[in-house]
Amino acid sequence: MHRQAGVKTIAFGGRPNRDPIQAIGGTKGTNNYPFGYIQALAKVALGTGTQEQIANWTSVTAYSNLPLNRSTDTSINVRDNILRDNLDDGIPAQFLYEEADCRLFYEPAMLKDPRAIWKKAASAAWGGAKCVAGNLPQKRETQFERRRKSEARKIRARAEKRAPAMKAVDFVAKGPKSPIHGKKVPL
């Protein structure tokens, strides 16, 4: 969202200095599979393999519930996300340092009421409050620009209501032919 849609990031806390800090949240990997899903796939493989294959799959037979029992959340990043800027060096996104657009400090009122955190973030994002490090550009819209966008949304919504909705059943029945067999996909 940060790269594709331009969503801005705000980070709270950190060491008692005014340096920028990294934004956190979520994973930067492309696919993140829960261990339970991986274990289920291993069971499917064991159930469909021949005796010769199963004898060679020692790592698959070693899966147990131990990771699930020892943690509240287990998952594995199974595919790295290489960003466009890093195609040449191949560094995955989860190993890159990315500064937050705005850094703020926690304040005593935030211990009592978490809404104070949201108020501080909102005032930095839309109210013109200063960031400790970084900044969030303040985009000012005129009343005319807001009205024009609102009218455009209304026109788009009306057009979408008039367009016939395509049902999933219609797509499957009339849909594309399977590239493997050259036949229509059955219902």
Protein backbone atom coordinates (compact mmCIF):
# COMPACT_ATOMS: atom_id res chain seq x y z
CA MET A 1 0.00 0.00 0.00
CA HIS A 2 2.87 2.33 0.78
CA ARG A 3 4.52 1.89 -2.63
CA GLN A 4 1.52 1.30 -4.88
CA ALA A 5 -1.09 3.62 -3.38
CA GLY A 6 1.12 6.18 -1.64
CA VAL A 7 -0.22 5.44 1.85
CA LYS A 8 1.79 7.41 4.39
CA THR A 9 3.23 5.84 7.54
CA ILE A 10 3.43 7.15 11.10
CA ALA A 11 5.64 5.52 13.74
CA PHE A 12 5.42 6.16 17.49
CA GLY A 13 8.11 5.78 20.13
CA GLY A 14 11.71 4.69 19.76
CA ARG A 15 14.86 5.94 21.42
CA PRO A 16 14.79 9.39 23.05
CA ASN A 17 16.20 11.26 20.05
CA ARG A 18 14.80 13.06 17.02
CA ASP A 19 16.11 10.65 14.37
CA PRO A 20 13.77 8.95 11.90
CA ILE A 21 12.66 5.39 12.72
CA GLN A 22 11.30 2.54 10.65
CA ALA A 23 7.60 1.98 10.18
CA ILE A 24 6.40 -1.44 11.31
CA GLY A 25 3.41 -3.67 10.68
CA GLY A 26 2.68 -6.73 8.64
CA THR A 27 5.18 -8.70 6.62
CA LYS A 28 7.12 -7.57 3.60
CA GLY A 29 7.28 -11.11 2.25
CA THR A 30 5.04 -12.06 -0.64
CA ASN A 31 3.53 -15.29 0.67
CA ASN A 32 3.28 -16.09 4.34
CA TYR A 33 1.84 -19.53 5.12
CA PRO A 34 0.65 -20.59 8.59
CA PHE A 35 2.40 -23.71 9.88
CA GLY A 36 -0.94 -25.51 10.18
CA TYR A 37 -1.46 -25.10 6.42
CA ILE A 38 2.03 -26.42 5.67
CA GLN A 39 1.39 -29.39 7.96
CA ALA A 40 -1.92 -30.09 6.19
CA LEU A 41 -0.13 -30.07 2.81
CA ALA A 42 2.43 -32.53 4.18
CA LYS A 43 -0.39 -34.86 5.27
CA VAL A 44 -1.95 -34.64 1.79
CA ALA A 45 1.41 -35.50 0.22
CA LEU A 46 1.86 -38.47 2.55
CA GLY A 47 -1.66 -39.67 1.76
CA THR A 48 -1.13 -39.55 -2.02
CA GLY A 49 2.49 -40.67 -2.37
CA THR A 50 3.71 -44.13 -3.23
CA GLN A 51 5.55 -46.23 -0.64
CA GLU A 52 8.86 -45.47 -2.38
CA GLN A 53 8.20 -41.71 -2.34
CA ILE A 54 7.11 -41.71 1.30
CA ALA A 55 10.28 -43.59 2.29
CA ASN A 56 12.34 -40.73 0.77
CA TRP A 57 10.27 -37.94 2.33
CA THR A 58 11.90 -37.98 5.76
CA SER A 59 11.48 -34.22 6.18
CA VAL A 60 7.74 -34.46 5.42
CA THR A 61 7.21 -37.28 7.93
CA ALA A 62 9.03 -35.21 10.59
CA TYR A 63 6.27 -32.56 10.78
CA SER A 64 4.58 -32.54 14.18
CA ASN A 65 2.35 -30.28 16.29
CA LEU A 66 5.34 -29.02 18.31
CA PRO A 67 5.53 -25.54 16.64
CA LEU A 68 1.76 -25.10 17.02
CA ASN A 69 1.88 -26.08 20.68
CA ARG A 70 4.80 -23.80 21.52
CA SER A 71 3.52 -20.60 19.90
CA THR A 72 0.38 -18.53 19.53
CA ASP A 73 1.15 -17.76 15.88
CA THR A 74 3.37 -19.75 13.57
CA SER A 75 4.00 -18.89 9.94
CA ILE A 76 6.76 -19.08 7.37
CA ASN A 77 7.63 -16.62 4.63
CA VAL A 78 7.72 -18.90 1.59
CA ARG A 79 8.46 -16.38 -1.16
CA ASP A 80 10.55 -13.22 -1.02
CA ASN A 81 9.26 -9.92 -2.36
CA ILE A 82 11.91 -8.26 -4.52
CA LEU A 83 11.00 -4.63 -5.17
CA ARG A 84 11.66 -2.96 -8.53
CA ASP A 85 14.47 -0.86 -7.06
CA ASN A 86 16.24 -4.05 -5.91
CA LEU A 87 15.96 -6.25 -9.00
CA ASP A 88 19.69 -5.95 -9.68
CA ASP A 89 20.93 -6.73 -6.16
CA GLY A 90 18.06 -9.14 -5.29
CA ILE A 91 17.66 -7.96 -1.69
CA PRO A 92 14.22 -9.05 -0.40
CA ALA A 93 11.95 -6.32 0.95
CA GLN A 94 11.94 -7.76 4.49
CA PHE A 95 15.65 -6.92 4.77
CA LEU A 96 15.32 -3.28 3.70
CA TYR A 97 15.21 -0.36 6.11
CA GLU A 98 12.33 1.98 5.28
CA GLU A 99 11.87 5.11 7.35
CA ALA A 100 8.39 6.11 8.44
CA ASP A 101 7.06 9.25 6.80
CA CYS A 102 6.40 10.75 10.24
CA ARG A 103 7.70 9.94 13.71
CA LEU A 104 5.82 10.93 16.86
CA PHE A 105 6.48 10.42 20.57
CA TYR A 106 4.16 8.73 23.02
CA GLU A 107 2.69 11.07 25.63
CA PRO A 108 1.40 10.36 29.17
CA ALA A 109 -2.24 10.85 28.14
CA MET A 110 -1.85 7.96 25.67
CA LEU A 111 -1.31 5.52 28.56
CA LYS A 112 -4.77 6.29 29.92
CA ASP A 113 -6.65 6.58 26.66
CA PRO A 114 -5.62 4.93 23.36
CA ARG A 115 -7.81 7.44 21.51
CA ALA A 116 -5.13 10.02 22.28
CA ILE A 117 -2.75 8.08 19.98
CA TRP A 118 -5.27 8.27 17.14
CA LYS A 119 -5.89 11.97 17.79
CA LYS A 120 -2.16 12.70 17.65
CA ALA A 121 -1.78 10.71 14.41
CA ALA A 122 -4.81 12.45 12.86
CA SER A 123 -3.53 15.89 13.80
CA ALA A 124 -0.17 15.07 12.17
CA ALA A 125 -1.82 13.61 9.06
CA TRP A 126 -4.57 16.17 8.48
CA GLY A 127 -4.31 18.89 11.09
CA GLY A 128 -0.93 20.36 10.31
CA ALA A 129 0.79 19.16 13.53
CA LYS A 130 4.57 18.75 13.26
CA CYS A 131 6.32 15.38 13.25
CA VAL A 132 9.36 14.74 15.47
CA ALA A 133 11.13 13.41 12.35
CA GLY A 134 9.89 13.39 8.77
CA ASN A 135 6.75 15.11 7.61
CA LEU A 136 3.37 14.43 6.07
CA PRO A 137 2.48 16.69 3.16
CA GLN A 138 -0.68 18.62 3.86
CA LYS A 139 -2.94 18.52 0.83
CA ARG A 140 -5.48 21.31 0.89
CA GLU A 141 -8.57 20.91 -1.26
CA THR A 142 -10.91 23.70 -2.12
CA GLN A 143 -14.63 23.29 -1.66
CA PHE A 144 -14.97 23.26 -5.47
CA GLU A 145 -12.50 20.32 -5.79
CA ARG A 146 -14.33 18.31 -3.11
CA ARG A 147 -17.69 18.95 -4.79
CA ARG A 148 -16.28 17.94 -8.20
CA LYS A 149 -14.89 14.63 -6.79
CA SER A 150 -18.19 13.93 -5.03
CA GLU A 151 -20.15 14.45 -8.26
CA ALA A 152 -17.74 12.20 -10.18
CA ARG A 153 -18.25 9.44 -7.57
CA LYS A 154 -22.04 9.78 -7.86
CA ILE A 155 -21.90 9.53 -11.67
CA ARG A 156 -19.64 6.46 -11.45
CA ALA A 157 -21.98 4.80 -8.91
CA ARG A 158 -25.01 5.42 -11.15
CA ALA A 159 -23.17 3.96 -14.16
CA GLU A 160 -22.22 0.85 -12.17
CA LYS A 161 -25.86 0.31 -11.15
CA ARG A 162 -26.97 0.46 -14.81
CA ALA A 163 -24.30 -1.96 -16.05
CA PRO A 164 -25.55 -5.56 -15.98
CA ALA A 165 -23.83 -7.48 -13.22
CA MET A 166 -22.02 -10.59 -14.41
CA LYS A 167 -22.74 -13.57 -12.22
CA ALA A 168 -20.05 -16.09 -11.36
CA VAL A 169 -22.28 -18.89 -12.72
CA ASP A 170 -22.54 -17.10 -16.11
CA PHE A 171 -18.77 -16.75 -16.24
CA VAL A 172 -18.20 -20.42 -15.47
CA ALA A 173 -20.88 -21.65 -17.91
CA LYS A 174 -19.88 -19.30 -20.75
CA GLY A 175 -16.37 -18.61 -19.53
CA PRO A 176 -12.94 -19.27 -20.87
CA LYS A 177 -11.86 -22.66 -22.08
CA SER A 178 -9.42 -24.52 -19.92
CA PRO A 179 -5.91 -24.05 -21.35
CA ILE A 180 -5.05 -27.64 -20.45
CA HIS A 181 -7.95 -29.56 -22.00
CA GLY A 182 -9.51 -27.06 -24.42
CA LYS A 183 -12.98 -27.63 -22.90
CA LYS A 184 -15.28 -25.32 -21.01
CA VAL A 185 -14.93 -25.43 -17.24
CA PRO A 186 -17.80 -27.55 -15.81
CA LEU A 187 -20.20 -26.18 -13.20
